[in-house]
Amino acid sequence: MDPRLIRRVGAYSSEAACQETTELLQAPDRPSAVFAADGTMSDGVMQAIADLDLQVPDQLSLVCFDDLDWMKFMRPAITSVHQPVHRIGSMAAELLLARIAGDSSTPKHNVLEARLHVRGSVSRPLP
């Protein structure tokens, strides 16, 4: 893995993600794929891809975390990682209510399964 390809966005906004993605995709050694860490970052990544007139997946593969409804309707549909947001919320509420009720047990570590939804935004890297 090339650490130069891992980017952090300075501000949590679609605009900041767009700017960072544009820089990344204009580099001479542009990556063959981009992974966006959440829905807000996905918006910015998609804007950068559109601004640069790149074709997904022919010129760039795209995977996004958070399986937002619009990702299914894009053409091509966006490959995404689905996390069980409702279950995460209910578990968090249960833990919080237990603490409020006086539960002083050690913190719990819960692991929930994420699912990869493979759609049309990913292809083999170009030679």
N, C-alpha and C. Protein backbone atom coordinates (compact mmCIF):
# COMPACT_ATOMS: atom_id res chain seq x y z
N MET A 1 0.85 -1.17 0.00
CA MET A 1 0.00 0.00 0.00
C MET A 1 0.89 1.24 0.00
N ASP A 2 0.53 2.20 -0.80
CA ASP A 2 1.29 3.44 -0.92
C ASP A 2 0.64 4.49 -0.02
N PRO A 3 1.30 4.89 1.07
CA PRO A 3 0.68 5.85 2.00
C PRO A 3 0.39 7.22 1.37
N ARG A 4 1.03 7.55 0.27
CA ARG A 4 0.75 8.83 -0.40
C ARG A 4 -0.66 8.86 -0.99
N LEU A 5 -1.23 7.69 -1.18
CA LEU A 5 -2.58 7.61 -1.76
C LEU A 5 -3.68 7.72 -0.71
N ILE A 6 -3.31 7.68 0.55
CA ILE A 6 -4.29 7.81 1.63
C ILE A 6 -4.39 9.29 1.98
N ARG A 7 -5.56 9.85 1.81
CA ARG A 7 -5.74 11.29 2.03
C ARG A 7 -6.70 11.54 3.17
N ARG A 8 -6.39 12.55 3.95
CA ARG A 8 -7.30 13.03 5.00
C ARG A 8 -7.82 14.38 4.56
N VAL A 9 -9.09 14.57 4.72
CA VAL A 9 -9.71 15.83 4.36
C VAL A 9 -9.64 16.73 5.59
N GLY A 10 -9.15 17.95 5.42
CA GLY A 10 -8.96 18.87 6.54
C GLY A 10 -10.24 19.27 7.24
N ALA A 11 -11.32 19.39 6.49
CA ALA A 11 -12.62 19.76 7.06
C ALA A 11 -13.63 18.72 6.63
N TYR A 12 -14.58 18.45 7.49
CA TYR A 12 -15.58 17.44 7.17
C TYR A 12 -16.66 18.06 6.29
N SER A 13 -16.38 18.08 4.98
CA SER A 13 -17.35 18.64 4.05
C SER A 13 -17.15 18.02 2.67
N SER A 14 -18.22 18.05 1.90
CA SER A 14 -18.16 17.55 0.53
C SER A 14 -17.17 18.38 -0.29
N GLU A 15 -17.14 19.68 -0.05
CA GLU A 15 -16.24 20.56 -0.80
C GLU A 15 -14.78 20.21 -0.53
N ALA A 16 -14.44 19.97 0.74
CA ALA A 16 -13.07 19.61 1.08
C ALA A 16 -12.70 18.25 0.46
N ALA A 17 -13.64 17.32 0.45
CA ALA A 17 -13.39 16.02 -0.16
C ALA A 17 -13.19 16.16 -1.66
N CYS A 18 -13.95 17.04 -2.28
CA CYS A 18 -13.81 17.29 -3.72
C CYS A 18 -12.43 17.85 -4.03
N GLN A 19 -11.99 18.81 -3.25
CA GLN A 19 -10.68 19.43 -3.47
C GLN A 19 -9.56 18.40 -3.30
N GLU A 20 -9.62 17.61 -2.26
CA GLU A 20 -8.57 16.61 -2.00
C GLU A 20 -8.58 15.54 -3.09
N THR A 21 -9.76 15.12 -3.51
CA THR A 21 -9.88 14.10 -4.56
C THR A 21 -9.37 14.65 -5.89
N THR A 22 -9.68 15.89 -6.18
CA THR A 22 -9.21 16.50 -7.43
C THR A 22 -7.68 16.49 -7.47
N GLU A 23 -7.06 16.89 -6.37
CA GLU A 23 -5.59 16.85 -6.29
C GLU A 23 -5.06 15.45 -6.53
N LEU A 24 -5.67 14.49 -5.87
CA LEU A 24 -5.23 13.10 -5.99
C LEU A 24 -5.36 12.60 -7.42
N LEU A 25 -6.48 12.92 -8.06
CA LEU A 25 -6.75 12.39 -9.39
C LEU A 25 -6.03 13.15 -10.51
N GLN A 26 -5.48 14.31 -10.20
CA GLN A 26 -4.70 15.04 -11.18
C GLN A 26 -3.21 14.73 -11.09
N ALA A 27 -2.82 13.93 -10.12
CA ALA A 27 -1.41 13.55 -9.97
C ALA A 27 -0.99 12.68 -11.15
N PRO A 28 0.28 12.76 -11.54
CA PRO A 28 0.74 11.97 -12.68
C PRO A 28 0.60 10.45 -12.47
N ASP A 29 0.68 10.01 -11.23
CA ASP A 29 0.54 8.58 -10.93
C ASP A 29 -0.82 8.32 -10.28
N ARG A 30 -1.88 8.80 -10.96
CA ARG A 30 -3.24 8.69 -10.45
C ARG A 30 -3.59 7.25 -10.08
N PRO A 31 -4.29 7.06 -8.97
CA PRO A 31 -4.70 5.70 -8.58
C PRO A 31 -5.73 5.15 -9.56
N SER A 32 -5.89 3.83 -9.54
CA SER A 32 -6.87 3.20 -10.41
C SER A 32 -8.23 3.08 -9.73
N ALA A 33 -8.27 3.38 -8.42
CA ALA A 33 -9.53 3.28 -7.67
C ALA A 33 -9.52 4.27 -6.51
N VAL A 34 -10.72 4.65 -6.08
CA VAL A 34 -10.89 5.53 -4.93
C VAL A 34 -11.91 4.88 -3.99
N PHE A 35 -11.62 4.98 -2.69
CA PHE A 35 -12.54 4.53 -1.65
C PHE A 35 -12.91 5.75 -0.82
N ALA A 36 -14.20 6.07 -0.77
CA ALA A 36 -14.68 7.20 0.03
C ALA A 36 -15.19 6.67 1.37
N ALA A 37 -14.81 7.33 2.45
CA ALA A 37 -15.04 6.80 3.79
C ALA A 37 -16.47 6.95 4.31
N ASP A 38 -17.28 7.83 3.73
CA ASP A 38 -18.67 7.95 4.17
C ASP A 38 -19.47 8.73 3.13
N GLY A 39 -20.73 8.94 3.40
CA GLY A 39 -21.62 9.58 2.44
C GLY A 39 -21.21 10.99 2.07
N THR A 40 -20.82 11.79 3.04
CA THR A 40 -20.40 13.17 2.75
C THR A 40 -19.16 13.18 1.87
N MET A 41 -18.20 12.34 2.18
CA MET A 41 -16.99 12.26 1.38
C MET A 41 -17.31 11.72 -0.02
N SER A 42 -18.28 10.81 -0.11
CA SER A 42 -18.69 10.27 -1.41
C SER A 42 -19.21 11.37 -2.33
N ASP A 43 -19.98 12.29 -1.76
CA ASP A 43 -20.49 13.42 -2.56
C ASP A 43 -19.34 14.20 -3.19
N GLY A 44 -18.33 14.51 -2.38
CA GLY A 44 -17.19 15.27 -2.87
C GLY A 44 -16.37 14.50 -3.89
N VAL A 45 -16.19 13.21 -3.65
CA VAL A 45 -15.46 12.37 -4.60
C VAL A 45 -16.19 12.32 -5.93
N MET A 46 -17.51 12.13 -5.89
CA MET A 46 -18.30 12.09 -7.12
C MET A 46 -18.22 13.41 -7.87
N GLN A 47 -18.21 14.53 -7.15
CA GLN A 47 -18.10 15.83 -7.80
C GLN A 47 -16.75 15.98 -8.49
N ALA A 48 -15.68 15.56 -7.84
CA ALA A 48 -14.34 15.63 -8.44
C ALA A 48 -14.27 14.76 -9.69
N ILE A 49 -14.83 13.57 -9.63
CA ILE A 49 -14.83 12.67 -10.79
C ILE A 49 -15.59 13.32 -11.95
N ALA A 50 -16.72 13.93 -11.66
CA ALA A 50 -17.50 14.60 -12.70
C ALA A 50 -16.75 15.81 -13.26
N ASP A 51 -16.16 16.62 -12.37
CA ASP A 51 -15.42 17.80 -12.81
C ASP A 51 -14.25 17.45 -13.73
N LEU A 52 -13.61 16.32 -13.44
CA LEU A 52 -12.46 15.88 -14.24
C LEU A 52 -12.89 15.05 -15.44
N ASP A 53 -14.19 14.84 -15.58
CA ASP A 53 -14.77 14.09 -16.70
C ASP A 53 -14.17 12.69 -16.82
N LEU A 54 -14.00 12.03 -15.67
CA LEU A 54 -13.50 10.65 -15.65
C LEU A 54 -14.67 9.69 -15.73
N GLN A 55 -14.48 8.61 -16.44
CA GLN A 55 -15.53 7.61 -16.62
C GLN A 55 -15.33 6.46 -15.63
N VAL A 56 -16.36 6.23 -14.81
CA VAL A 56 -16.37 5.12 -13.85
C VAL A 56 -17.12 3.98 -14.51
N PRO A 57 -16.60 2.77 -14.55
CA PRO A 57 -15.33 2.28 -14.03
C PRO A 57 -14.21 2.22 -15.08
N ASP A 58 -14.46 2.72 -16.29
CA ASP A 58 -13.47 2.58 -17.36
C ASP A 58 -12.14 3.24 -17.03
N GLN A 59 -12.19 4.41 -16.40
CA GLN A 59 -10.96 5.12 -16.07
C GLN A 59 -10.63 5.11 -14.59
N LEU A 60 -11.62 4.82 -13.76
CA LEU A 60 -11.43 4.86 -12.31
C LEU A 60 -12.51 4.02 -11.65
N SER A 61 -12.10 3.13 -10.76
CA SER A 61 -13.07 2.36 -9.97
C SER A 61 -13.43 3.16 -8.72
N LEU A 62 -14.64 2.95 -8.22
CA LEU A 62 -15.11 3.70 -7.05
C LEU A 62 -15.85 2.79 -6.10
N VAL A 63 -15.48 2.87 -4.82
CA VAL A 63 -16.17 2.16 -3.74
C VAL A 63 -16.42 3.19 -2.64
N CYS A 64 -17.62 3.18 -2.08
CA CYS A 64 -17.98 4.12 -1.03
C CYS A 64 -18.45 3.38 0.22
N PHE A 65 -18.13 3.93 1.37
CA PHE A 65 -18.64 3.40 2.63
C PHE A 65 -19.93 4.13 2.92
N ASP A 66 -20.91 3.43 3.42
CA ASP A 66 -22.29 3.86 3.64
C ASP A 66 -23.02 3.55 2.33
N ASP A 67 -24.01 2.75 2.43
CA ASP A 67 -24.79 2.36 1.26
C ASP A 67 -26.00 3.27 1.15
N LEU A 68 -25.78 4.45 0.61
CA LEU A 68 -26.86 5.43 0.50
C LEU A 68 -27.76 5.09 -0.68
N ASP A 69 -29.04 5.44 -0.58
CA ASP A 69 -30.01 5.08 -1.61
C ASP A 69 -29.58 5.51 -3.01
N TRP A 70 -29.05 6.71 -3.17
CA TRP A 70 -28.70 7.21 -4.50
C TRP A 70 -27.61 6.39 -5.17
N MET A 71 -26.82 5.65 -4.41
CA MET A 71 -25.73 4.86 -4.99
C MET A 71 -26.26 3.74 -5.88
N LYS A 72 -27.48 3.27 -5.61
CA LYS A 72 -28.10 2.23 -6.42
C LYS A 72 -28.62 2.77 -7.75
N PHE A 73 -28.94 4.06 -7.80
CA PHE A 73 -29.57 4.63 -8.97
C PHE A 73 -28.60 5.28 -9.94
N MET A 74 -27.36 5.46 -9.52
CA MET A 74 -26.35 6.03 -10.41
C MET A 74 -26.09 5.04 -11.54
N ARG A 75 -25.58 5.51 -12.64
CA ARG A 75 -25.16 4.64 -13.74
C ARG A 75 -23.73 4.94 -14.08
N PRO A 76 -22.81 4.03 -13.77
CA PRO A 76 -23.09 2.73 -13.15
C PRO A 76 -23.41 2.90 -11.65
N ALA A 77 -24.12 1.92 -11.12
CA ALA A 77 -24.42 1.92 -9.68
C ALA A 77 -23.10 1.80 -8.92
N ILE A 78 -23.04 2.43 -7.74
CA ILE A 78 -21.81 2.53 -6.97
C ILE A 78 -21.66 1.34 -6.03
N THR A 79 -20.51 0.67 -6.10
CA THR A 79 -20.18 -0.39 -5.16
C THR A 79 -20.01 0.26 -3.79
N SER A 80 -20.63 -0.35 -2.77
CA SER A 80 -20.58 0.28 -1.46
C SER A 80 -20.53 -0.74 -0.34
N VAL A 81 -20.10 -0.25 0.82
CA VAL A 81 -20.08 -1.05 2.04
C VAL A 81 -21.26 -0.60 2.88
N HIS A 82 -22.14 -1.55 3.18
CA HIS A 82 -23.34 -1.27 3.97
C HIS A 82 -23.03 -1.58 5.43
N GLN A 83 -23.33 -0.63 6.30
CA GLN A 83 -23.22 -0.90 7.73
C GLN A 83 -24.61 -0.86 8.33
N PRO A 84 -24.87 -1.67 9.35
CA PRO A 84 -26.21 -1.76 9.93
C PRO A 84 -26.50 -0.56 10.84
N VAL A 85 -26.79 0.59 10.25
CA VAL A 85 -26.93 1.83 11.01
C VAL A 85 -28.04 1.77 12.06
N HIS A 86 -29.14 1.13 11.75
CA HIS A 86 -30.23 1.06 12.73
C HIS A 86 -29.82 0.22 13.93
N ARG A 87 -29.13 -0.87 13.67
CA ARG A 87 -28.66 -1.73 14.78
C ARG A 87 -27.59 -0.99 15.60
N ILE A 88 -26.72 -0.25 14.94
CA ILE A 88 -25.70 0.54 15.66
C ILE A 88 -26.41 1.53 16.59
N GLY A 89 -27.42 2.21 16.07
CA GLY A 89 -28.15 3.19 16.88
C GLY A 89 -28.86 2.56 18.05
N SER A 90 -29.52 1.42 17.82
CA SER A 90 -30.25 0.79 18.93
C SER A 90 -29.29 0.24 19.98
N MET A 91 -28.16 -0.30 19.55
CA MET A 91 -27.17 -0.79 20.54
C MET A 91 -26.61 0.37 21.35
N ALA A 92 -26.33 1.47 20.69
CA ALA A 92 -25.81 2.64 21.40
C ALA A 92 -26.82 3.15 22.42
N ALA A 93 -28.10 3.20 22.02
CA ALA A 93 -29.15 3.65 22.94
C ALA A 93 -29.27 2.70 24.13
N GLU A 94 -29.22 1.40 23.87
CA GLU A 94 -29.30 0.41 24.96
C GLU A 94 -28.15 0.60 25.95
N LEU A 95 -26.94 0.78 25.44
CA LEU A 95 -25.77 0.97 26.31
C LEU A 95 -25.89 2.26 27.10
N LEU A 96 -26.34 3.33 26.46
CA LEU A 96 -26.50 4.61 27.14
C LEU A 96 -27.56 4.53 28.23
N LEU A 97 -28.69 3.93 27.92
CA LEU A 97 -29.75 3.79 28.93
C LEU A 97 -29.30 2.94 30.11
N ALA A 98 -28.52 1.90 29.83
CA ALA A 98 -27.99 1.08 30.91
C ALA A 98 -27.06 1.89 31.81
N ARG A 99 -26.21 2.74 31.22
CA ARG A 99 -25.32 3.60 32.01
C ARG A 99 -26.11 4.58 32.85
N ILE A 100 -27.12 5.17 32.25
CA ILE A 100 -27.97 6.12 32.98
C ILE A 100 -28.65 5.43 34.15
N ALA A 101 -29.02 4.15 33.95
CA ALA A 101 -29.68 3.38 35.02
C ALA A 101 -28.71 2.89 36.08
N GLY A 102 -27.40 3.16 35.90
CA GLY A 102 -26.44 2.81 36.93
C GLY A 102 -25.52 1.66 36.59
N ASP A 103 -25.60 1.10 35.40
CA ASP A 103 -24.70 0.02 34.99
C ASP A 103 -23.27 0.55 34.99
N SER A 104 -22.42 -0.07 35.77
CA SER A 104 -21.02 0.38 35.83
C SER A 104 -20.08 -0.74 35.37
N SER A 105 -20.58 -1.66 34.59
CA SER A 105 -19.74 -2.75 34.08
C SER A 105 -18.69 -2.19 33.13
N THR A 106 -17.71 -3.00 32.82
CA THR A 106 -16.65 -2.56 31.91
C THR A 106 -17.25 -2.26 30.53
N PRO A 107 -16.63 -1.35 29.80
CA PRO A 107 -17.14 -1.03 28.46
C PRO A 107 -17.21 -2.27 27.58
N LYS A 108 -18.22 -2.32 26.74
CA LYS A 108 -18.42 -3.46 25.85
C LYS A 108 -17.83 -3.15 24.48
N HIS A 109 -17.37 -4.18 23.82
CA HIS A 109 -16.86 -4.07 22.46
C HIS A 109 -17.77 -4.91 21.57
N ASN A 110 -18.60 -4.24 20.80
CA ASN A 110 -19.54 -4.93 19.92
C ASN A 110 -19.05 -4.84 18.48
N VAL A 111 -19.10 -5.94 17.77
CA VAL A 111 -18.71 -5.96 16.37
C VAL A 111 -19.94 -6.36 15.55
N LEU A 112 -20.29 -5.52 14.60
CA LEU A 112 -21.42 -5.80 13.74
C LEU A 112 -20.90 -6.04 12.33
N GLU A 113 -21.59 -6.86 11.60
CA GLU A 113 -21.14 -7.24 10.26
C GLU A 113 -21.52 -6.18 9.23
N ALA A 114 -20.54 -5.81 8.42
CA ALA A 114 -20.78 -4.93 7.28
C ALA A 114 -20.88 -5.82 6.04
N ARG A 115 -21.59 -5.31 5.01
CA ARG A 115 -21.74 -6.10 3.78
C ARG A 115 -21.27 -5.26 2.59
N LEU A 116 -20.55 -5.91 1.69
CA LEU A 116 -20.12 -5.26 0.47
C LEU A 116 -21.16 -5.51 -0.61
N HIS A 117 -21.67 -4.42 -1.19
CA HIS A 117 -22.62 -4.51 -2.30
C HIS A 117 -21.84 -4.20 -3.58
N VAL A 118 -21.49 -5.25 -4.31
CA VAL A 118 -20.73 -5.06 -5.54
C VAL A 118 -21.68 -4.64 -6.65
N ARG A 119 -21.37 -3.49 -7.22
CA ARG A 119 -22.19 -2.96 -8.31
C ARG A 119 -21.27 -2.62 -9.47
N GLY A 120 -21.69 -1.76 -10.36
CA GLY A 120 -20.96 -1.53 -11.59
C GLY A 120 -19.80 -0.55 -11.58
N SER A 121 -19.46 0.01 -10.42
CA SER A 121 -18.44 1.06 -10.39
C SER A 121 -17.01 0.55 -10.22
N VAL A 122 -16.83 -0.77 -10.30
CA VAL A 122 -15.51 -1.35 -10.10
C VAL A 122 -15.16 -2.24 -11.30
N SER A 123 -13.92 -2.08 -11.75
CA SER A 123 -13.42 -2.96 -12.82
C SER A 123 -11.96 -3.27 -12.55
N ARG A 124 -11.41 -4.16 -13.34
CA ARG A 124 -9.98 -4.46 -13.20
C ARG A 124 -9.16 -3.23 -13.56
N PRO A 125 -8.01 -3.05 -12.89
CA PRO A 125 -7.16 -1.90 -13.22
C PRO A 125 -6.68 -1.99 -14.67
N LEU A 126 -6.54 -0.84 -15.28
CA LEU A 126 -6.01 -0.78 -16.65
C LEU A 126 -4.54 -1.16 -16.66
N PRO A 127 -4.08 -1.80 -17.73
CA PRO A 127 -2.65 -2.19 -17.77
C PRO A 127 -1.73 -0.98 -17.84
